């Protein structure tokens, strides 16, 4: 049992990675499955067992729901994921992530003919204070793909913005594979920035990042 108490209307940074740091997202099909699962299982109601989110395009997956959490930022990496979420009721975050973890693990294990745990035990979580840490946290999540581009000559901020498995592009006014999942009101109401201002903030932070080492 988890010791954390996830309170209604509070924001939390959620992180989990594969057992032994193994890859948990091998291709876009698996990433799409995970993202659509975040949408479909964010629901008080059960989803039919034969409902397959893998083949659906984002505009097709938008079935009516009664959400239990609000996803406000996200990023998928080959062996881990980051989410920033707000629970819409007490205990909703644990319930939601349990459903997502079980569903994706069953799918992954069947696809790769394996058994057992896929992720490193229970997910990690940290409460997000509505101050400077909230701004830092979104930058940390959105800059997570930086190591994927370090072998490229002349890495640019646009490389991170165009990375489709992060909500950075949503935050600067574009779209990503998470656009049907994420609510960017967090940027406006908690961070106090519009899309242009957040882009300017990331530009400055990116220039600083290029001068320092970056670890996920």
Protein backbone atom coordinates (compact mmCIF):
# COMPACT_ATOMS: atom_id res chain seq x y z
CA UNK A 1 0.00 0.00 0.00
CA UNK A 2 1.20 3.52 -0.79
CA UNK A 3 1.87 5.88 2.10
CA UNK A 4 1.18 9.01 0.05
CA UNK A 5 -2.26 10.56 0.29
CA UNK A 6 -3.20 12.11 -3.05
CA UNK A 7 -5.55 14.97 -2.27
CA UNK A 8 -8.30 16.37 -4.45
CA UNK A 9 -7.31 19.37 -6.59
CA UNK A 10 -3.61 19.05 -5.75
CA UNK A 11 -0.98 18.54 -8.46
CA UNK A 12 1.62 15.75 -8.46
CA UNK A 13 4.63 14.80 -10.55
CA UNK A 14 4.39 11.11 -11.43
CA UNK A 15 7.34 9.07 -12.68
CA UNK A 16 7.96 5.42 -13.41
CA UNK A 17 10.45 3.42 -15.45
CA UNK A 18 10.93 -0.11 -16.67
CA UNK A 19 12.24 -2.91 -14.47
CA UNK A 20 16.06 -2.90 -14.60
CA UNK A 21 15.71 0.30 -16.68
CA UNK A 22 14.44 -1.80 -19.58
CA UNK A 23 12.74 -0.24 -22.60
CA UNK A 24 8.96 -0.05 -22.17
CA UNK A 25 8.12 1.85 -25.37
CA UNK A 26 9.77 0.27 -28.40
CA UNK A 27 7.82 1.98 -31.18
CA UNK A 28 5.06 4.46 -31.96
CA UNK A 29 2.41 1.75 -31.75
CA UNK A 30 3.28 1.16 -28.11
CA UNK A 31 3.54 4.86 -27.34
CA UNK A 32 0.16 5.44 -29.00
CA UNK A 33 -1.34 2.63 -26.94
CA UNK A 34 -0.07 4.21 -23.71
CA UNK A 35 -1.25 7.71 -24.59
CA UNK A 36 -4.71 6.55 -25.64
CA UNK A 37 -4.91 4.46 -22.48
CA UNK A 38 -4.27 7.62 -20.47
CA UNK A 39 -7.36 9.07 -22.13
CA UNK A 40 -9.65 6.05 -22.11
CA UNK A 41 -8.98 4.93 -18.54
CA UNK A 42 -9.34 8.43 -17.15
CA UNK A 43 -12.95 7.58 -16.46
CA UNK A 44 -15.14 6.59 -13.52
CA UNK A 45 -16.90 4.20 -15.87
CA UNK A 46 -15.37 0.93 -17.06
CA UNK A 47 -14.24 0.62 -20.68
CA UNK A 48 -15.56 -2.43 -22.58
CA UNK A 49 -13.04 -5.27 -22.56
CA UNK A 50 -13.05 -5.54 -26.36
CA UNK A 51 -12.38 -1.83 -26.88
CA UNK A 52 -9.00 -1.51 -28.61
CA UNK A 53 -7.34 1.92 -28.35
CA UNK A 54 -4.30 0.93 -30.41
CA UNK A 55 -5.76 1.44 -33.86
CA UNK A 56 -7.64 4.62 -33.07
CA UNK A 57 -6.58 8.01 -34.31
CA UNK A 58 -6.66 10.84 -31.73
CA UNK A 59 -9.91 12.28 -33.09
CA UNK A 60 -11.57 8.86 -32.90
CA UNK A 61 -10.59 8.13 -29.32
CA UNK A 62 -12.61 11.02 -27.92
CA UNK A 63 -15.45 9.03 -26.40
CA UNK A 64 -17.51 10.69 -23.64
CA UNK A 65 -15.92 10.28 -20.21
CA UNK A 66 -16.28 11.19 -16.56
CA UNK A 67 -12.61 11.96 -15.76
CA UNK A 68 -11.01 11.18 -12.41
CA UNK A 69 -7.77 13.11 -12.99
CA UNK A 70 -6.52 16.01 -15.10
CA UNK A 71 -3.27 15.46 -17.01
CA UNK A 72 -1.43 18.78 -17.27
CA UNK A 73 1.98 17.75 -18.68
CA UNK A 74 3.54 14.55 -19.98
CA UNK A 75 6.54 12.99 -21.70
CA UNK A 76 7.36 9.47 -22.85
CA UNK A 77 10.94 8.27 -23.08
CA UNK A 78 12.11 4.81 -24.20
CA UNK A 79 12.36 3.38 -20.67
CA UNK A 80 10.23 5.72 -18.55
CA UNK A 81 7.45 8.27 -18.45
CA UNK A 82 6.67 11.53 -16.65
CA UNK A 83 3.22 12.92 -15.91
CA UNK A 84 1.95 15.94 -14.04
CA UNK A 85 -1.60 15.33 -12.87
CA UNK A 86 -4.33 16.76 -10.66
CA UNK A 87 -6.69 14.45 -8.83
CA UNK A 88 -10.37 15.32 -9.18
CA UNK A 89 -11.20 13.40 -6.02
CA UNK A 90 -9.23 12.04 -3.07
CA UNK A 91 -7.32 8.90 -4.07
CA UNK A 92 -8.14 9.30 -7.77
CA UNK A 93 -4.50 9.45 -8.87
CA UNK A 94 -3.63 6.05 -7.39
CA UNK A 95 -6.74 4.48 -8.90
CA UNK A 96 -6.03 5.97 -12.32
CA UNK A 97 -2.36 4.98 -12.46
CA UNK A 98 -3.13 1.48 -11.24
CA UNK A 99 -5.57 1.02 -14.13
CA UNK A 100 -3.11 2.44 -16.65
CA UNK A 101 -0.21 0.33 -15.36
CA UNK A 102 -2.17 -2.93 -15.38
CA UNK A 103 -3.64 -2.28 -18.83
CA UNK A 104 -0.36 -1.33 -20.48
CA UNK A 105 1.60 -4.15 -18.82
CA UNK A 106 -0.93 -6.73 -20.03
CA UNK A 107 -0.73 -5.33 -23.56
CA UNK A 108 3.07 -5.13 -23.56
CA UNK A 109 3.53 -8.63 -22.12
CA UNK A 110 1.17 -10.15 -24.67
CA UNK A 111 2.85 -8.36 -27.55
CA UNK A 112 6.36 -9.40 -26.47
CA UNK A 113 5.42 -12.85 -25.16
CA UNK A 114 6.71 -12.14 -21.68
CA UNK A 115 5.30 -12.23 -18.17
CA UNK A 116 5.80 -10.43 -14.88
CA UNK A 117 6.22 -6.83 -13.86
CA UNK A 118 7.05 -4.24 -16.51
CA UNK A 119 7.59 -1.17 -14.33
CA UNK A 120 9.72 -0.72 -11.21
CA UNK A 121 7.11 -1.39 -8.57
CA UNK A 122 4.84 1.45 -7.61
CA UNK A 123 5.15 4.78 -9.38
CA UNK A 124 7.12 7.64 -7.82
CA UNK A 125 5.25 10.80 -6.89
CA UNK A 126 6.02 14.29 -5.63
CA UNK A 127 3.60 17.03 -4.71
CA UNK A 128 3.84 20.10 -6.95
CA UNK A 129 3.89 23.38 -5.05
CA UNK A 130 2.18 26.16 -6.97
CA UNK A 131 5.29 28.31 -7.24
CA UNK A 132 8.70 28.21 -8.88
CA UNK A 133 8.86 24.43 -8.60
CA UNK A 134 5.79 24.11 -10.82
CA UNK A 135 7.52 26.07 -13.58
CA UNK A 136 10.75 24.11 -13.14
CA UNK A 137 8.84 20.83 -13.17
CA UNK A 138 7.18 21.46 -16.53
CA UNK A 139 10.55 22.45 -17.99
CA UNK A 140 12.10 19.28 -16.56
CA UNK A 141 9.37 17.12 -18.10
CA UNK A 142 9.49 18.89 -21.46
CA UNK A 143 13.29 18.87 -21.68
CA UNK A 144 13.56 15.17 -20.85
CA UNK A 145 14.08 14.21 -24.53
CA UNK A 146 17.24 16.35 -24.70
CA UNK A 147 19.60 13.33 -24.46
CA UNK A 148 17.89 11.79 -27.51
CA UNK A 149 19.23 14.66 -29.63
CA UNK A 150 22.70 15.03 -28.12
CA UNK A 151 24.31 13.12 -30.99
CA UNK A 152 22.86 15.63 -33.44
CA UNK A 153 25.05 18.50 -34.55
CA UNK A 154 23.55 21.82 -33.51
CA UNK A 155 20.62 20.69 -31.36
CA UNK A 156 17.88 23.32 -31.31
CA UNK A 157 14.90 24.03 -29.06
CA UNK A 158 12.73 23.18 -32.08
CA UNK A 159 13.95 19.59 -31.77
CA UNK A 160 12.32 19.37 -28.35
CA UNK A 161 9.20 21.23 -29.46
CA UNK A 162 8.71 18.86 -32.39
CA UNK A 163 9.23 15.74 -30.27
CA UNK A 164 5.71 14.28 -30.55
CA UNK A 165 5.68 12.35 -27.26
CA UNK A 166 5.88 15.40 -25.01
CA UNK A 167 3.37 18.14 -24.26
CA UNK A 168 5.89 20.93 -24.92
CA UNK A 169 4.36 21.72 -28.31
CA UNK A 170 0.93 21.98 -26.68
CA UNK A 171 2.34 24.47 -24.17
CA UNK A 172 3.74 26.73 -26.90
CA UNK A 173 0.53 26.73 -28.93
CA UNK A 174 0.93 23.67 -31.16
CA UNK A 175 -0.17 20.05 -30.99
CA UNK A 176 1.38 16.75 -29.92
CA UNK A 177 0.32 13.13 -29.58
CA UNK A 178 -1.00 14.17 -26.14
CA UNK A 179 -3.28 16.95 -27.38
CA UNK A 180 -6.45 14.94 -26.69
CA UNK A 181 -5.16 14.08 -23.19
CA UNK A 182 -3.54 17.21 -21.75
CA UNK A 183 -5.16 20.33 -20.29
CA UNK A 184 -2.81 23.27 -20.75
CA UNK A 185 -4.85 25.56 -18.49
CA UNK A 186 -2.17 24.69 -15.92
CA UNK A 187 0.26 26.84 -17.91
CA UNK A 188 -2.11 29.82 -17.78
CA UNK A 189 -3.52 29.54 -14.27
CA UNK A 190 -0.64 28.05 -12.26
CA UNK A 191 2.45 29.14 -14.22
CA UNK A 192 0.87 32.45 -15.21
CA UNK A 193 2.11 32.30 -18.80
CA UNK A 194 0.51 32.24 -22.22
CA UNK A 195 1.92 30.17 -25.09
CA UNK A 196 4.28 32.90 -26.28
CA UNK A 197 5.59 33.59 -22.79
CA UNK A 198 6.16 29.92 -22.09
CA UNK A 199 8.05 29.62 -25.37
CA UNK A 200 10.28 32.53 -24.36
CA UNK A 201 10.88 30.94 -20.95
CA UNK A 202 11.89 27.66 -22.60
CA UNK A 203 14.18 29.47 -25.01
CA UNK A 204 16.13 30.99 -22.14
CA UNK A 205 16.17 27.73 -20.21
CA UNK A 206 17.36 25.85 -23.28
CA UNK A 207 20.32 28.17 -23.76
CA UNK A 208 21.30 27.51 -20.15
CA UNK A 209 20.83 23.78 -20.63
CA UNK A 210 23.22 23.64 -23.57
CA UNK A 211 25.95 24.87 -21.25
CA UNK A 212 25.31 22.24 -18.60
CA UNK A 213 25.01 18.48 -18.47
CA UNK A 214 21.46 17.11 -18.39
CA UNK A 215 20.33 13.96 -16.62
CA UNK A 216 16.81 12.51 -16.69
